[in-house]
PDB file of N, CA and C in Angstrom:
ATOM      1  N   MET A   1     -13.003  17.209  60.648  1.00  0.00           N
ATOM      2  CA  MET A   1     -12.566  18.234  59.734  1.00  0.00           C
ATOM      3  C   MET A   1     -11.816  17.571  58.579  1.00  0.00           C
ATOM      4  N   VAL A   2     -12.119  17.981  57.348  1.00  0.00           N
ATOM      5  CA  VAL A   2     -11.499  17.432  56.155  1.00  0.00           C
ATOM      6  C   VAL A   2     -10.349  18.331  55.734  1.00  0.00           C
ATOM      7  N   ASN A   3      -9.212  17.717  55.420  1.00  0.00           N
ATOM      8  CA  ASN A   3      -8.055  18.473  54.960  1.00  0.00           C
ATOM      9  C   ASN A   3      -8.248  18.810  53.489  1.00  0.00           C
ATOM     10  N   THR A   4      -8.380  20.074  53.183  1.00  0.00           N
ATOM     11  CA  THR A   4      -8.603  20.498  51.799  1.00  0.00           C
ATOM     12  C   THR A   4      -7.344  21.036  51.142  1.00  0.00           C
ATOM     13  N   LEU A   5      -6.203  20.953  51.835  1.00  0.00           N
ATOM     14  CA  LEU A   5      -4.956  21.434  51.263  1.00  0.00           C
ATOM     15  C   LEU A   5      -4.453  20.456  50.206  1.00  0.00           C
ATOM     16  N   THR A   6      -3.985  20.974  49.114  1.00  0.00           N
ATOM     17  CA  THR A   6      -3.403  20.141  48.069  1.00  0.00           C
ATOM     18  C   THR A   6      -2.051  20.704  47.692  1.00  0.00           C
ATOM     19  N   GLY A   7      -1.253  19.889  47.024  1.00  0.00           N
ATOM     20  CA  GLY A   7       0.053  20.339  46.568  1.00  0.00           C
ATOM     21  C   GLY A   7      -0.069  21.313  45.416  1.00  0.00           C
ATOM     22  N   ARG A   8       1.059  21.860  45.041  1.00  0.00           N
ATOM     23  CA  ARG A   8       1.071  22.784  43.905  1.00  0.00           C
ATOM     24  C   ARG A   8       0.746  22.025  42.627  1.00  0.00           C
ATOM     25  N   PRO A   9       0.134  22.702  41.688  1.00  0.00           N
ATOM     26  CA  PRO A   9      -0.122  22.044  40.395  1.00  0.00           C
ATOM     27  C   PRO A   9       1.191  21.812  39.659  1.00  0.00           C
ATOM     28  N   ARG A  10       1.223  20.799  38.837  1.00  0.00           N
ATOM     29  CA  ARG A  10       2.429  20.505  38.065  1.00  0.00           C
ATOM     30  C   ARG A  10       2.694  21.632  37.092  1.00  0.00           C
ATOM     31  N   GLU A  11       3.961  21.961  36.950  1.00  0.00           N
ATOM     32  CA  GLU A  11       4.352  23.042  36.062  1.00  0.00           C
ATOM     33  C   GLU A  11       5.203  22.512  34.907  1.00  0.00           C
ATOM     34  N   PHE A  12       4.907  21.309  34.455  1.00  0.00           N
ATOM     35  CA  PHE A  12       5.659  20.733  33.351  1.00  0.00           C
ATOM     36  C   PHE A  12       4.718  19.934  32.469  1.00  0.00           C
ATOM     37  N   ASP A  13       5.157  19.725  31.253  1.00  0.00           N
ATOM     38  CA  ASP A  13       4.395  18.954  30.285  1.00  0.00           C
ATOM     39  C   ASP A  13       4.755  17.475  30.469  1.00  0.00           C
ATOM     40  N   GLU A  14       3.834  16.718  31.017  1.00  0.00           N
ATOM     41  CA  GLU A  14       4.087  15.306  31.323  1.00  0.00           C
ATOM     42  C   GLU A  14       4.536  14.534  30.087  1.00  0.00           C
ATOM     43  N   GLU A  15       3.907  14.774  28.966  1.00  0.00           N
ATOM     44  CA  GLU A  15       4.261  14.064  27.735  1.00  0.00           C
ATOM     45  C   GLU A  15       5.696  14.387  27.309  1.00  0.00           C
ATOM     46  N   GLN A  16       6.097  15.640  27.452  1.00  0.00           N
ATOM     47  CA  GLN A  16       7.449  16.040  27.078  1.00  0.00           C
ATOM     48  C   GLN A  16       8.487  15.409  27.998  1.00  0.00           C
ATOM     49  N   VAL A  17       8.196  15.353  29.295  1.00  0.00           N
ATOM     50  CA  VAL A  17       9.116  14.729  30.242  1.00  0.00           C
ATOM     51  C   VAL A  17       9.299  13.251  29.905  1.00  0.00           C
ATOM     52  N   LEU A  18       8.202  12.561  29.654  1.00  0.00           N
ATOM     53  CA  LEU A  18       8.294  11.134  29.326  1.00  0.00           C
ATOM     54  C   LEU A  18       9.036  10.905  28.018  1.00  0.00           C
ATOM     55  N   THR A  19       8.785  11.738  27.026  1.00  0.00           N
ATOM     56  CA  THR A  19       9.470  11.614  25.739  1.00  0.00           C
ATOM     57  C   THR A  19      10.970  11.851  25.896  1.00  0.00           C
ATOM     58  N   SER A  20      11.339  12.881  26.646  1.00  0.00           N
ATOM     59  CA  SER A  20      12.756  13.179  26.861  1.00  0.00           C
ATOM     60  C   SER A  20      13.472  12.048  27.596  1.00  0.00           C
ATOM     61  N   ALA A  21      12.840  11.513  28.621  1.00  0.00           N
ATOM     62  CA  ALA A  21      13.441  10.407  29.374  1.00  0.00           C
ATOM     63  C   ALA A  21      13.561   9.164  28.492  1.00  0.00           C
ATOM     64  N   MET A  22      12.541   8.877  27.718  1.00  0.00           N
ATOM     65  CA  MET A  22      12.558   7.711  26.837  1.00  0.00           C
ATOM     66  C   MET A  22      13.694   7.832  25.817  1.00  0.00           C
ATOM     67  N   GLU A  23      13.874   9.017  25.255  1.00  0.00           N
ATOM     68  CA  GLU A  23      14.946   9.220  24.285  1.00  0.00           C
ATOM     69  C   GLU A  23      16.322   9.054  24.926  1.00  0.00           C
ATOM     70  N   ALA A  24      16.463   9.503  26.162  1.00  0.00           N
ATOM     71  CA  ALA A  24      17.736   9.322  26.877  1.00  0.00           C
ATOM     72  C   ALA A  24      18.016   7.837  27.087  1.00  0.00           C
ATOM     73  N   PHE A  25      17.005   7.080  27.466  1.00  0.00           N
ATOM     74  CA  PHE A  25      17.178   5.638  27.661  1.00  0.00           C
ATOM     75  C   PHE A  25      17.509   4.952  26.343  1.00  0.00           C
ATOM     76  N   TRP A  26      16.899   5.365  25.252  1.00  0.00           N
ATOM     77  CA  TRP A  26      17.198   4.775  23.944  1.00  0.00           C
ATOM     78  C   TRP A  26      18.636   5.050  23.532  1.00  0.00           C
ATOM     79  N   ARG A  27      19.111   6.268  23.797  1.00  0.00           N
ATOM     80  CA  ARG A  27      20.482   6.628  23.386  1.00  0.00           C
ATOM     81  C   ARG A  27      21.544   5.856  24.166  1.00  0.00           C
ATOM     82  N   LYS A  28      21.381   5.765  25.475  1.00  0.00           N
ATOM     83  CA  LYS A  28      22.429   5.184  26.326  1.00  0.00           C
ATOM     84  C   LYS A  28      22.061   3.845  26.941  1.00  0.00           C
ATOM     85  N   GLY A  29      20.790   3.502  26.943  1.00  0.00           N
ATOM     86  CA  GLY A  29      20.334   2.308  27.637  1.00  0.00           C
ATOM     87  C   GLY A  29      19.937   2.660  29.061  1.00  0.00           C
ATOM     88  N   TYR A  30      19.042   1.889  29.636  1.00  0.00           N
ATOM     89  CA  TYR A  30      18.524   2.185  30.969  1.00  0.00           C
ATOM     90  C   TYR A  30      19.624   2.182  32.022  1.00  0.00           C
ATOM     91  N   GLU A  31      20.439   1.135  32.012  1.00  0.00           N
ATOM     92  CA  GLU A  31      21.493   0.995  33.029  1.00  0.00           C
ATOM     93  C   GLU A  31      22.556   2.081  32.920  1.00  0.00           C
ATOM     94  N   ALA A  32      22.800   2.595  31.721  1.00  0.00           N
ATOM     95  CA  ALA A  32      23.868   3.570  31.518  1.00  0.00           C
ATOM     96  C   ALA A  32      23.393   5.022  31.596  1.00  0.00           C
ATOM     97  N   THR A  33      22.106   5.241  31.819  1.00  0.00           N
ATOM     98  CA  THR A  33      21.584   6.603  31.903  1.00  0.00           C
ATOM     99  C   THR A  33      21.588   7.058  33.354  1.00  0.00           C
ATOM    100  N   PRO A  34      22.467   8.002  33.694  1.00  0.00           N
ATOM    101  CA  PRO A  34      22.527   8.460  35.085  1.00  0.00           C
ATOM    102  C   PRO A  34      21.366   9.405  35.396  1.00  0.00           C
ATOM    103  N   LEU A  35      21.066   9.542  36.655  1.00  0.00           N
ATOM    104  CA  LEU A  35      20.004  10.446  37.078  1.00  0.00           C
ATOM    105  C   LEU A  35      20.298  11.870  36.625  1.00  0.00           C
ATOM    106  N   VAL A  36      21.556  12.268  36.668  1.00  0.00           N
ATOM    107  CA  VAL A  36      21.905  13.615  36.219  1.00  0.00           C
ATOM    108  C   VAL A  36      21.569  13.790  34.735  1.00  0.00           C
ATOM    109  N   GLY A  37      21.696  12.740  33.957  1.00  0.00           N
ATOM    110  CA  GLY A  37      21.316  12.797  32.550  1.00  0.00           C
ATOM    111  C   GLY A  37      19.816  13.025  32.381  1.00  0.00           C
ATOM    112  N   LEU A  38      19.037  12.390  33.236  1.00  0.00           N
ATOM    113  CA  LEU A  38      17.587  12.597  33.180  1.00  0.00           C
ATOM    114  C   LEU A  38      17.197  14.000  33.634  1.00  0.00           C
ATOM    115  N   THR A  39      17.887  14.509  34.642  1.00  0.00           N
ATOM    116  CA  THR A  39      17.560  15.861  35.099  1.00  0.00           C
ATOM    117  C   THR A  39      17.887  16.883  34.015  1.00  0.00           C
ATOM    118  N   GLU A  40      18.959  16.647  33.285  1.00  0.00           N
ATOM    119  CA  GLU A  40      19.329  17.573  32.210  1.00  0.00           C
ATOM    120  C   GLU A  40      18.351  17.518  31.048  1.00  0.00           C
ATOM    121  N   CYS A  41      17.981  16.341  30.615  1.00  0.00           N
ATOM    122  CA  CYS A  41      17.124  16.240  29.430  1.00  0.00           C
ATOM    123  C   CYS A  41      15.662  16.577  29.732  1.00  0.00           C
ATOM    124  N   THR A  42      15.237  16.430  30.973  1.00  0.00           N
ATOM    125  CA  THR A  42      13.843  16.737  31.312  1.00  0.00           C
ATOM    126  C   THR A  42      13.681  18.126  31.922  1.00  0.00           C
ATOM    127  N   CYS A  43      14.801  18.772  32.255  1.00  0.00           N
ATOM    128  CA  CYS A  43      14.780  20.095  32.917  1.00  0.00           C
ATOM    129  C   CYS A  43      14.044  20.039  34.255  1.00  0.00           C
ATOM    130  N   MET A  44      14.156  18.905  34.936  1.00  0.00           N
ATOM    131  CA  MET A  44      13.564  18.739  36.267  1.00  0.00           C
ATOM    132  C   MET A  44      14.681  18.395  37.244  1.00  0.00           C
ATOM    133  N   ASN A  45      14.499  18.747  38.513  1.00  0.00           N
ATOM    134  CA  ASN A  45      15.510  18.371  39.499  1.00  0.00           C
ATOM    135  C   ASN A  45      15.250  16.952  39.998  1.00  0.00           C
ATOM    136  N   LYS A  46      16.228  16.408  40.725  1.00  0.00           N
ATOM    137  CA  LYS A  46      16.132  15.011  41.189  1.00  0.00           C
ATOM    138  C   LYS A  46      14.886  14.759  42.029  1.00  0.00           C
ATOM    139  N   ALA A  47      14.612  15.652  42.961  1.00  0.00           N
ATOM    140  CA  ALA A  47      13.462  15.457  43.854  1.00  0.00           C
ATOM    141  C   ALA A  47      12.157  15.417  43.062  1.00  0.00           C
ATOM    142  N   SER A  48      12.029  16.283  42.075  1.00  0.00           N
ATOM    143  CA  SER A  48      10.805  16.302  41.275  1.00  0.00           C
ATOM    144  C   SER A  48      10.649  15.018  40.470  1.00  0.00           C
ATOM    145  N   LEU A  49      11.760  14.536  39.909  1.00  0.00           N
ATOM    146  CA  LEU A  49      11.687  13.278  39.155  1.00  0.00           C
ATOM    147  C   LEU A  49      11.296  12.114  40.061  1.00  0.00           C
ATOM    148  N   HIS A  50      11.876  12.055  41.235  1.00  0.00           N
ATOM    149  CA  HIS A  50      11.558  10.971  42.167  1.00  0.00           C
ATOM    150  C   HIS A  50      10.089  11.024  42.585  1.00  0.00           C
ATOM    151  N   ARG A  51       9.602  12.203  42.869  1.00  0.00           N
ATOM    152  CA  ARG A  51       8.192  12.332  43.265  1.00  0.00           C
ATOM    153  C   ARG A  51       7.260  12.008  42.110  1.00  0.00           C
ATOM    154  N   TYR A  52       7.657  12.400  40.914  1.00  0.00           N
ATOM    155  CA  TYR A  52       6.793  12.223  39.750  1.00  0.00           C
ATOM    156  C   TYR A  52       6.564  10.754  39.414  1.00  0.00           C
ATOM    157  N   LYS A  53       7.604  10.010  39.292  1.00  0.00           N
ATOM    158  CA  LYS A  53       7.449   8.588  38.911  1.00  0.00           C
ATOM    159  C   LYS A  53       8.185   7.628  39.813  1.00  0.00           C
ATOM    160  N   GLU A  54       8.652   8.102  40.937  1.00  0.00           N
ATOM    161  CA  GLU A  54       9.381   7.263  41.896  1.00  0.00           C
ATOM    162  C   GLU A  54      10.485   6.469  41.199  1.00  0.00           C
ATOM    163  N   ILE A  55      11.294   7.197  40.438  1.00  0.00           N
ATOM    164  CA  ILE A  55      12.418   6.582  39.706  1.00  0.00           C
ATOM    165  C   ILE A  55      13.499   6.225  40.705  1.00  0.00           C
ATOM    166  N   ASP A  56      13.972   4.997  40.650  1.00  0.00           N
ATOM    167  CA  ASP A  56      15.049   4.569  41.538  1.00  0.00           C
ATOM    168  C   ASP A  56      16.276   4.325  40.679  1.00  0.00           C
ATOM    169  N   MET A  57      17.158   5.302  40.643  1.00  0.00           N
ATOM    170  CA  MET A  57      18.345   5.224  39.808  1.00  0.00           C
ATOM    171  C   MET A  57      19.587   5.217  40.687  1.00  0.00           C
ATOM    172  N   ASN A  58      19.767   4.214  41.488  1.00  0.00           N
ATOM    173  CA  ASN A  58      20.924   4.174  42.397  1.00  0.00           C
ATOM    174  C   ASN A  58      22.171   4.312  41.632  1.00  0.00           C
TER     175      ASN A  58
END
């Protein structure tokens, strides 16, 4: 039997998320940009960001 279940479709504009994150990194630098800053500028929660690009922002 083949598993035909799939996850929910993405409900965000990938290009906009990447642009927002890139601008945050440009403003503060990669090391100084906290995960909470990325969640605010991308309007995504931490879990979604981690799943999307496996961002490791310890």
